[in-house]
């Protein structure tokens, strides 16, 4: 298949492109390198050094003998988006190219507006380009479990059958997102479902849980192929951050009370889920939703797992939660679709955590301690001009 990976320079986009290429698909990547720009803006960097895109592409060609095509541009530019898709003529488009951090979207008005404009408009341009160039193209869009929030009922895979006043209908599962970022993903899902229903497009929405890990079978073949390892309070995922704190001998900072439960997935399973979705496309007119998780843990349980597997003393520190979220809640997620397509999950294991400890220890000299403390408060809408005064 011909597969175009949007956001191919990112934490998940890059290893996904390698995984698909390694499995024999003809792959192209597109990016505007905004994610690298966020690092510069926030004054942070990936724990593991990452190479420029051309170095990465050259390294992959050397170790695999396979070539990945490269496009540079912004999806908010509708003409660029359409011309790129018309040039590559993909069978499948994998869409990672969005601002992905909830804390970043909650910094202030400017960051909230940017997140929604970048994500929603870029996604709309992709939909219009598919409709114009080739409606047969299958869109595989990375969503998030954060679209659902934490409802007091089971979370189904995207759709819910509802009986009201004696009548029954199938409708999109009601959403209760927890940030302006998650809201942008909800808008994306509704726009994609609309395009499938009205234009007959085919799409798979992958509502992904929290990803952990940094290595895949492809990225370990050469240091130049490494993907990001984010640990800071803006872009870092919780398990990765806890690993860093343990290696440094710092307390694991658990947002009070620690009962916040989320779906989790290994990075190796993320790239495999994308492959399975691409090779088994949705039907024309179908908006298909998979909940892309393998396990669920509370933040407190994650911290205890890290502490129990680390060869050394680990303390757990409860800190005030800057987010507005339920501290204790019901959480039961249905996630059978990808398993039925053949996913064999990697569950959170001692072996994986040990490998993360090794990565963190090797690069611990690059850690910025201040970057791990939360600085964005959900309850205070910042105004940069007012704050400067």
Protein backbone atom coordinates (compact mmCIF):
# COMPACT_ATOMS: atom_id res chain seq x y z
CA UNK A 1 0.00 0.00 0.00
CA UNK A 2 0.96 3.65 -0.40
CA UNK A 3 0.68 5.29 3.04
CA UNK A 4 1.15 8.98 3.83
CA UNK A 5 2.01 9.69 7.49
CA UNK A 6 1.11 13.25 8.49
CA UNK A 7 3.17 14.42 11.46
CA UNK A 8 5.89 11.96 10.50
CA UNK A 9 8.57 13.73 12.55
CA UNK A 10 6.76 13.27 15.87
CA UNK A 11 7.02 10.93 18.84
CA UNK A 12 4.59 8.44 17.28
CA UNK A 13 4.59 9.51 13.64
CA UNK A 14 8.26 8.67 13.08
CA UNK A 15 8.27 5.11 14.50
CA UNK A 16 4.94 4.47 12.74
CA UNK A 17 6.47 5.43 9.39
CA UNK A 18 9.41 3.08 10.03
CA UNK A 19 7.11 0.23 11.09
CA UNK A 20 4.96 0.58 7.97
CA UNK A 21 8.00 0.83 5.72
CA UNK A 22 9.56 -2.22 7.37
CA UNK A 23 6.38 -4.17 6.64
CA UNK A 24 6.71 -3.48 2.92
CA UNK A 25 4.47 -0.45 2.41
CA UNK A 26 5.52 2.55 0.31
CA UNK A 27 5.63 5.37 2.83
CA UNK A 28 5.84 9.16 2.71
CA UNK A 29 5.99 11.51 5.69
CA UNK A 30 4.87 15.12 6.00
CA UNK A 31 5.63 17.64 8.73
CA UNK A 32 6.12 21.35 9.37
CA UNK A 33 8.35 20.67 12.44
CA UNK A 34 6.04 22.63 14.75
CA UNK A 35 6.70 20.07 17.50
CA UNK A 36 10.40 20.96 17.52
CA UNK A 37 9.32 24.59 17.70
CA UNK A 38 7.27 23.94 20.85
CA UNK A 39 10.45 22.69 22.54
CA UNK A 40 12.20 25.93 21.67
CA UNK A 41 9.22 27.96 22.90
CA UNK A 42 8.94 26.06 26.21
CA UNK A 43 12.70 25.85 26.77
CA UNK A 44 12.75 22.04 26.92
CA UNK A 45 14.02 19.19 24.76
CA UNK A 46 13.60 15.46 24.30
CA UNK A 47 15.54 13.41 26.84
CA UNK A 48 16.85 11.28 23.98
CA UNK A 49 18.52 13.39 21.26
CA UNK A 50 16.69 13.24 17.94
CA UNK A 51 18.20 13.86 14.53
CA UNK A 52 16.94 16.19 11.77
CA UNK A 53 14.52 14.57 9.35
CA UNK A 54 17.00 14.19 6.49
CA UNK A 55 19.49 12.42 8.77
CA UNK A 56 16.72 10.10 9.90
CA UNK A 57 15.65 9.31 6.34
CA UNK A 58 19.24 8.66 5.24
CA UNK A 59 19.82 6.37 8.23
CA UNK A 60 16.68 4.36 7.45
CA UNK A 61 17.73 3.95 3.84
CA UNK A 62 21.17 2.71 5.00
CA UNK A 63 19.87 0.13 7.49
CA UNK A 64 16.79 -1.07 5.56
CA UNK A 65 17.44 -0.33 1.90
CA UNK A 66 14.02 1.38 1.81
CA UNK A 67 13.27 4.98 0.87
CA UNK A 68 10.68 7.18 2.58
CA UNK A 69 9.49 10.24 0.66
CA UNK A 70 9.34 13.55 2.48
CA UNK A 71 6.98 16.55 2.25
CA UNK A 72 7.46 19.81 4.16
CA UNK A 73 4.40 21.99 4.76
CA UNK A 74 1.46 22.95 6.97
CA UNK A 75 -1.95 21.27 6.80
CA UNK A 76 -3.58 24.61 7.64
CA UNK A 77 -2.55 25.53 4.08
CA UNK A 78 -5.33 23.82 2.15
CA UNK A 79 -3.61 24.17 -1.24
CA UNK A 80 -0.44 22.50 0.04
CA UNK A 81 -2.48 19.68 1.58
CA UNK A 82 -4.40 18.97 -1.61
CA UNK A 83 -1.31 19.17 -3.83
CA UNK A 84 0.64 16.81 -1.57
CA UNK A 85 -2.12 14.19 -1.54
CA UNK A 86 -2.58 14.51 -5.30
CA UNK A 87 1.17 14.06 -5.81
CA UNK A 88 1.62 10.97 -3.60
CA UNK A 89 -1.80 9.39 -4.29
CA UNK A 90 -1.93 7.37 -1.07
CA UNK A 91 -4.21 4.44 -0.38
CA UNK A 92 -4.18 5.42 3.30
CA UNK A 93 -3.47 8.65 5.16
CA UNK A 94 -2.33 8.33 8.79
CA UNK A 95 -3.02 11.62 10.54
CA UNK A 96 -0.81 12.43 13.56
CA UNK A 97 -0.18 16.07 12.61
CA UNK A 98 -1.80 17.95 15.49
CA UNK A 99 -0.76 19.82 18.63
CA UNK A 100 -1.12 16.97 21.12
CA UNK A 101 -0.63 18.38 24.65
CA UNK A 102 -3.54 19.27 26.93
CA UNK A 103 -1.37 21.51 29.18
CA UNK A 104 -0.08 23.43 26.14
CA UNK A 105 -3.65 24.16 25.07
CA UNK A 106 -4.50 25.46 28.56
CA UNK A 107 -1.61 27.94 28.94
CA UNK A 108 -3.65 30.95 27.80
CA UNK A 109 -6.01 32.23 25.12
CA UNK A 110 -3.29 32.31 22.47
CA UNK A 111 -2.36 28.64 22.94
CA UNK A 112 -5.98 27.49 23.14
CA UNK A 113 -6.89 29.30 19.91
CA UNK A 114 -3.75 28.04 18.17
CA UNK A 115 -4.46 24.44 19.21
CA UNK A 116 -8.02 24.48 17.91
CA UNK A 117 -7.18 26.35 14.72
CA UNK A 118 -4.18 24.14 13.93
CA UNK A 119 -5.95 20.87 14.69
CA UNK A 120 -9.49 21.48 13.44
CA UNK A 121 -8.61 23.47 10.29
CA UNK A 122 -5.78 21.11 9.35
CA UNK A 123 -8.06 18.10 9.72
CA UNK A 124 -10.79 19.79 7.65
CA UNK A 125 -8.29 20.48 4.88
CA UNK A 126 -7.33 16.79 4.85
CA UNK A 127 -10.99 15.79 4.53
CA UNK A 128 -11.61 18.20 1.66
CA UNK A 129 -8.42 17.06 -0.09
CA UNK A 130 -9.47 13.40 0.13
CA UNK A 131 -12.92 14.24 -1.22
CA UNK A 132 -11.37 16.17 -4.12
CA UNK A 133 -8.43 13.90 -4.99
CA UNK A 134 -9.80 10.40 -4.31
CA UNK A 135 -12.71 9.54 -1.97
CA UNK A 136 -11.43 5.94 -1.84
CA UNK A 137 -8.49 7.03 0.36
CA UNK A 138 -8.80 5.58 3.86
CA UNK A 139 -8.17 8.13 6.64
CA UNK A 140 -6.67 6.70 9.83
CA UNK A 141 -6.93 9.52 12.35
CA UNK A 142 -5.31 9.53 15.78
CA UNK A 143 -7.92 10.55 18.32
CA UNK A 144 -7.69 10.33 22.10
CA UNK A 145 -9.46 8.58 24.95
CA UNK A 146 -9.63 12.05 26.50
CA UNK A 147 -12.54 12.81 24.18
CA UNK A 148 -14.77 10.67 26.38
CA UNK A 149 -13.70 12.07 29.75
CA UNK A 150 -14.62 9.84 32.68
CA UNK A 151 -18.34 9.02 32.40
CA UNK A 152 -20.08 6.94 35.04
CA UNK A 153 -21.03 4.31 32.43
CA UNK A 154 -19.02 1.92 30.26
CA UNK A 155 -17.14 3.58 27.41
CA UNK A 156 -18.09 1.92 24.13
CA UNK A 157 -16.01 2.09 20.94
CA UNK A 158 -17.22 5.40 19.56
CA UNK A 159 -20.92 4.62 19.23
CA UNK A 160 -23.75 4.15 21.70
CA UNK A 161 -27.21 2.65 21.26
CA UNK A 162 -29.67 4.85 23.15
CA UNK A 163 -33.32 4.22 23.99
CA UNK A 164 -35.22 7.37 24.91
CA UNK A 165 -38.98 7.65 25.41
CA UNK A 166 -39.47 4.26 23.81
CA UNK A 167 -37.41 4.96 20.68
CA UNK A 168 -33.90 3.61 19.94
CA UNK A 169 -31.11 5.08 17.85
CA UNK A 170 -27.36 4.59 17.34
CA UNK A 171 -25.39 7.79 17.92
CA UNK A 172 -21.87 8.94 18.61
CA UNK A 173 -20.88 8.31 22.20
CA UNK A 174 -21.36 11.55 24.21
CA UNK A 175 -18.11 13.40 24.84
CA UNK A 176 -16.90 15.25 27.94
CA UNK A 177 -13.35 16.42 27.10
CA UNK A 178 -11.05 17.87 29.74
CA UNK A 179 -9.07 20.52 27.86
CA UNK A 180 -9.13 22.72 24.77
CA UNK A 181 -6.84 20.15 23.14
CA UNK A 182 -9.29 17.33 23.82
CA UNK A 183 -12.11 19.55 22.56
CA UNK A 184 -10.25 19.95 19.26
CA UNK A 185 -10.19 16.16 18.94
CA UNK A 186 -13.94 16.01 19.54
CA UNK A 187 -14.46 18.54 16.75
CA UNK A 188 -12.25 16.40 14.51
CA UNK A 189 -14.30 13.28 15.20
CA UNK A 190 -17.58 15.01 14.43
CA UNK A 191 -16.19 16.53 11.22
CA UNK A 192 -14.85 13.15 10.06
CA UNK A 193 -18.14 11.37 10.83
CA UNK A 194 -19.99 14.07 8.90
CA UNK A 195 -17.66 13.68 5.89
CA UNK A 196 -18.16 9.91 5.90
CA UNK A 197 -21.94 10.30 6.11
CA UNK A 198 -22.25 13.05 3.49
CA UNK A 199 -19.41 12.31 1.05
CA UNK A 200 -19.08 8.57 1.54
CA UNK A 201 -15.49 8.79 2.80
CA UNK A 202 -13.94 5.94 4.77
CA UNK A 203 -12.26 6.65 8.12
CA UNK A 204 -10.96 4.97 11.26
CA UNK A 205 -10.78 7.11 14.40
CA UNK A 206 -8.27 5.66 16.87
CA UNK A 207 -9.05 6.92 20.37
CA UNK A 208 -5.67 6.30 21.92
CA UNK A 209 -4.77 6.10 25.58
CA UNK A 210 -1.57 7.31 27.24
CA UNK A 211 1.45 5.97 25.35
CA UNK A 212 4.57 4.80 27.17
CA UNK A 213 7.93 3.62 25.91
CA UNK A 214 10.52 4.96 23.51
CA UNK A 215 11.87 2.03 21.50
CA UNK A 216 10.44 -0.07 18.68
CA UNK A 217 12.14 -2.89 16.72
CA UNK A 218 12.92 -0.35 13.98
CA UNK A 219 14.20 2.61 16.04
CA UNK A 220 16.77 0.47 17.90
CA UNK A 221 18.52 -0.49 14.65
CA UNK A 222 20.51 2.77 14.60
CA UNK A 223 20.84 5.62 17.17
CA UNK A 224 19.93 8.10 14.42
CA UNK A 225 16.47 6.50 14.20
CA UNK A 226 15.54 7.28 17.81
CA UNK A 227 12.20 8.90 18.53
CA UNK A 228 11.40 11.44 21.21
CA UNK A 229 11.30 10.82 24.98
CA UNK A 230 9.29 13.63 26.56
CA UNK A 231 9.31 13.95 30.34
CA UNK A 232 8.38 17.60 30.98
CA UNK A 233 5.08 18.69 32.54
CA UNK A 234 3.74 20.03 29.24
CA UNK A 235 4.40 17.18 26.78
CA UNK A 236 5.67 14.34 28.94
CA UNK A 237 3.48 11.31 29.57
CA UNK A 238 3.06 10.28 33.19
CA UNK A 239 4.84 6.92 33.13
CA UNK A 240 7.85 8.34 31.27
CA UNK A 241 8.06 11.20 33.79
CA UNK A 242 7.92 8.81 36.75
CA UNK A 243 10.77 6.76 35.25
CA UNK A 244 12.96 9.87 35.04
CA UNK A 245 12.14 10.89 38.59
CA UNK A 246 13.00 7.42 39.92
CA UNK A 247 16.35 7.34 38.09
CA UNK A 248 17.25 10.79 39.47
CA UNK A 249 16.25 9.86 43.01
CA UNK A 250 13.42 12.38 43.05
CA UNK A 251 9.93 11.70 44.44
CA UNK A 252 7.33 10.59 41.92
CA UNK A 253 4.93 13.54 41.69
CA UNK A 254 1.39 12.17 41.78
CA UNK A 255 -1.42 14.65 41.25
CA UNK A 256 -3.70 14.37 44.32
CA UNK A 257 -5.40 12.05 45.06
CA UNK A 258 -3.90 9.64 42.50
CA UNK A 259 -7.11 7.81 41.64
CA UNK A 260 -7.35 9.34 38.16
CA UNK A 261 -7.55 6.31 35.86
CA UNK A 262 -6.51 6.25 32.21
CA UNK A 263 -6.09 3.76 29.41
CA UNK A 264 -2.48 2.89 28.58
CA UNK A 265 -0.67 1.48 25.54
CA UNK A 266 2.90 0.47 24.68
CA UNK A 267 4.48 2.41 21.79
CA UNK A 268 5.11 -0.91 20.02
CA UNK A 269 1.37 -1.58 20.09
CA UNK A 270 0.60 1.92 18.83
CA UNK A 271 2.54 1.39 15.60
CA UNK A 272 1.03 -2.08 15.15
CA UNK A 273 -2.50 -0.73 15.65
CA UNK A 274 -1.89 1.76 12.86
CA UNK A 275 -0.72 -1.04 10.56
CA UNK A 276 -3.74 -3.20 11.34
CA UNK A 277 -6.14 -0.31 10.74
CA UNK A 278 -4.43 0.58 7.45
CA UNK A 279 -4.37 -2.98 6.12
CA UNK A 280 -8.01 -3.56 7.10
CA UNK A 281 -9.72 -0.35 5.96
CA UNK A 282 -13.17 0.90 6.85
CA UNK A 283 -15.90 0.58 4.25
CA UNK A 284 -17.00 3.51 2.07
CA UNK A 285 -19.22 5.78 4.16
CA UNK A 286 -18.11 4.13 7.42
CA UNK A 287 -16.83 6.11 10.41
CA UNK A 288 -15.15 3.36 12.42
CA UNK A 289 -13.90 3.93 15.96
CA UNK A 290 -11.40 1.83 17.89
CA UNK A 291 -10.40 2.49 21.49
CA UNK A 292 -6.64 2.08 21.24
CA UNK A 293 -5.65 0.93 24.72
CA UNK A 294 -4.47 -2.34 26.20
CA UNK A 295 -4.74 -1.73 29.97
CA UNK A 296 -6.06 0.80 32.47
CA UNK A 297 -4.22 2.11 35.52
CA UNK A 298 -4.71 4.90 38.02
CA UNK A 299 -1.91 7.42 38.38
CA UNK A 300 -1.25 6.05 41.87
CA UNK A 301 -1.00 2.50 40.53
CA UNK A 302 1.49 3.62 37.87
CA UNK A 303 3.65 5.25 40.53
CA UNK A 304 3.60 2.09 42.67
CA UNK A 305 4.49 -0.06 39.64
CA UNK A 306 7.52 2.13 38.92
CA UNK A 307 8.58 2.12 42.57
CA UNK A 308 8.26 -1.67 42.85
CA UNK A 309 10.36 -2.28 39.74
CA UNK A 310 13.14 0.22 40.41
CA UNK A 311 16.34 -1.09 42.00
CA UNK A 312 16.54 1.59 44.65
CA UNK A 313 14.55 3.69 47.07
CA UNK A 314 11.60 5.57 45.57
CA UNK A 315 9.32 8.03 47.33
CA UNK A 316 5.90 9.14 46.16
CA UNK A 317 4.89 12.76 46.64
CA UNK A 318 1.31 13.94 46.25
CA UNK A 319 1.08 17.42 44.75
CA UNK A 320 -1.90 19.68 44.07
CA UNK A 321 -3.60 18.78 40.81
CA UNK A 322 -3.45 21.71 38.38
CA UNK A 323 -6.13 20.09 36.23
CA UNK A 324 -9.89 20.09 36.72
CA UNK A 325 -10.76 16.38 36.79
CA UNK A 326 -12.32 13.74 39.00
CA UNK A 327 -9.87 12.31 41.49
CA UNK A 328 -11.78 9.03 41.88
CA UNK A 329 -14.12 7.69 39.22
CA UNK A 330 -15.56 4.70 37.38
CA UNK A 331 -13.59 3.72 34.27
CA UNK A 332 -14.44 0.72 32.10
CA UNK A 333 -13.40 0.92 28.45
CA UNK A 334 -14.40 -1.48 25.68
CA UNK A 335 -11.43 -2.13 23.38
CA UNK A 336 -12.02 -5.25 21.33
CA UNK A 337 -11.88 -3.97 17.72
CA UNK A 338 -8.12 -3.98 17.28
CA UNK A 339 -7.70 -7.29 19.10
CA UNK A 340 -10.20 -8.79 16.67
CA UNK A 341 -8.00 -7.52 13.81
CA UNK A 342 -5.04 -9.39 15.28
CA UNK A 343 -3.37 -7.13 17.87
CA UNK A 344 -1.33 -9.11 20.40
CA UNK A 345 -0.77 -6.52 23.14
CA UNK A 346 2.42 -5.88 25.08
CA UNK A 347 1.24 -5.46 28.65
CA UNK A 348 3.06 -3.27 31.14
CA UNK A 349 5.87 -5.55 32.28
CA UNK A 350 9.06 -5.58 34.28
CA UNK A 351 11.09 -5.99 31.09
CA UNK A 352 9.69 -2.85 29.49
CA UNK A 353 10.12 -0.76 32.62
CA UNK A 354 13.70 -1.97 32.98
CA UNK A 355 14.45 -0.87 29.40
CA UNK A 356 12.97 2.55 30.16
CA UNK A 357 15.17 2.82 33.25
CA UNK A 358 18.20 2.08 31.04
CA UNK A 359 17.24 4.78 28.51
CA UNK A 360 16.62 7.31 31.28
CA UNK A 361 19.86 6.51 33.07
CA UNK A 362 21.89 6.84 29.87
CA UNK A 363 20.56 10.35 29.17
CA UNK A 364 19.88 11.63 32.70
CA UNK A 365 22.49 14.37 32.28
CA UNK A 366 20.07 16.04 29.85
CA UNK A 367 17.23 16.38 32.38
CA UNK A 368 15.95 19.85 33.23
CA UNK A 369 14.55 19.45 36.75
CA UNK A 370 12.43 22.59 36.57
CA UNK A 371 10.63 21.28 33.47
CA UNK A 372 9.01 18.44 35.42
CA UNK A 373 7.03 20.65 37.80
CA UNK A 374 3.52 21.61 36.58
CA UNK A 375 3.18 25.30 35.73
CA UNK A 376 -0.14 25.39 33.84
CA UNK A 377 -3.26 25.77 35.98
CA UNK A 378 -6.60 24.75 34.44
CA UNK A 379 -8.47 27.06 36.84
CA UNK A 380 -6.69 30.24 35.75
CA UNK A 381 -7.09 31.48 32.19
CA UNK A 382 -3.87 33.41 31.62
CA UNK A 383 -3.72 36.64 29.64
CA UNK A 384 -0.12 37.33 28.56
CA UNK A 385 -0.65 41.09 28.11
CA UNK A 386 -2.29 41.39 31.54
CA UNK A 387 0.39 39.22 33.17
CA UNK A 388 3.17 41.40 31.74
CA UNK A 389 1.57 44.44 33.36
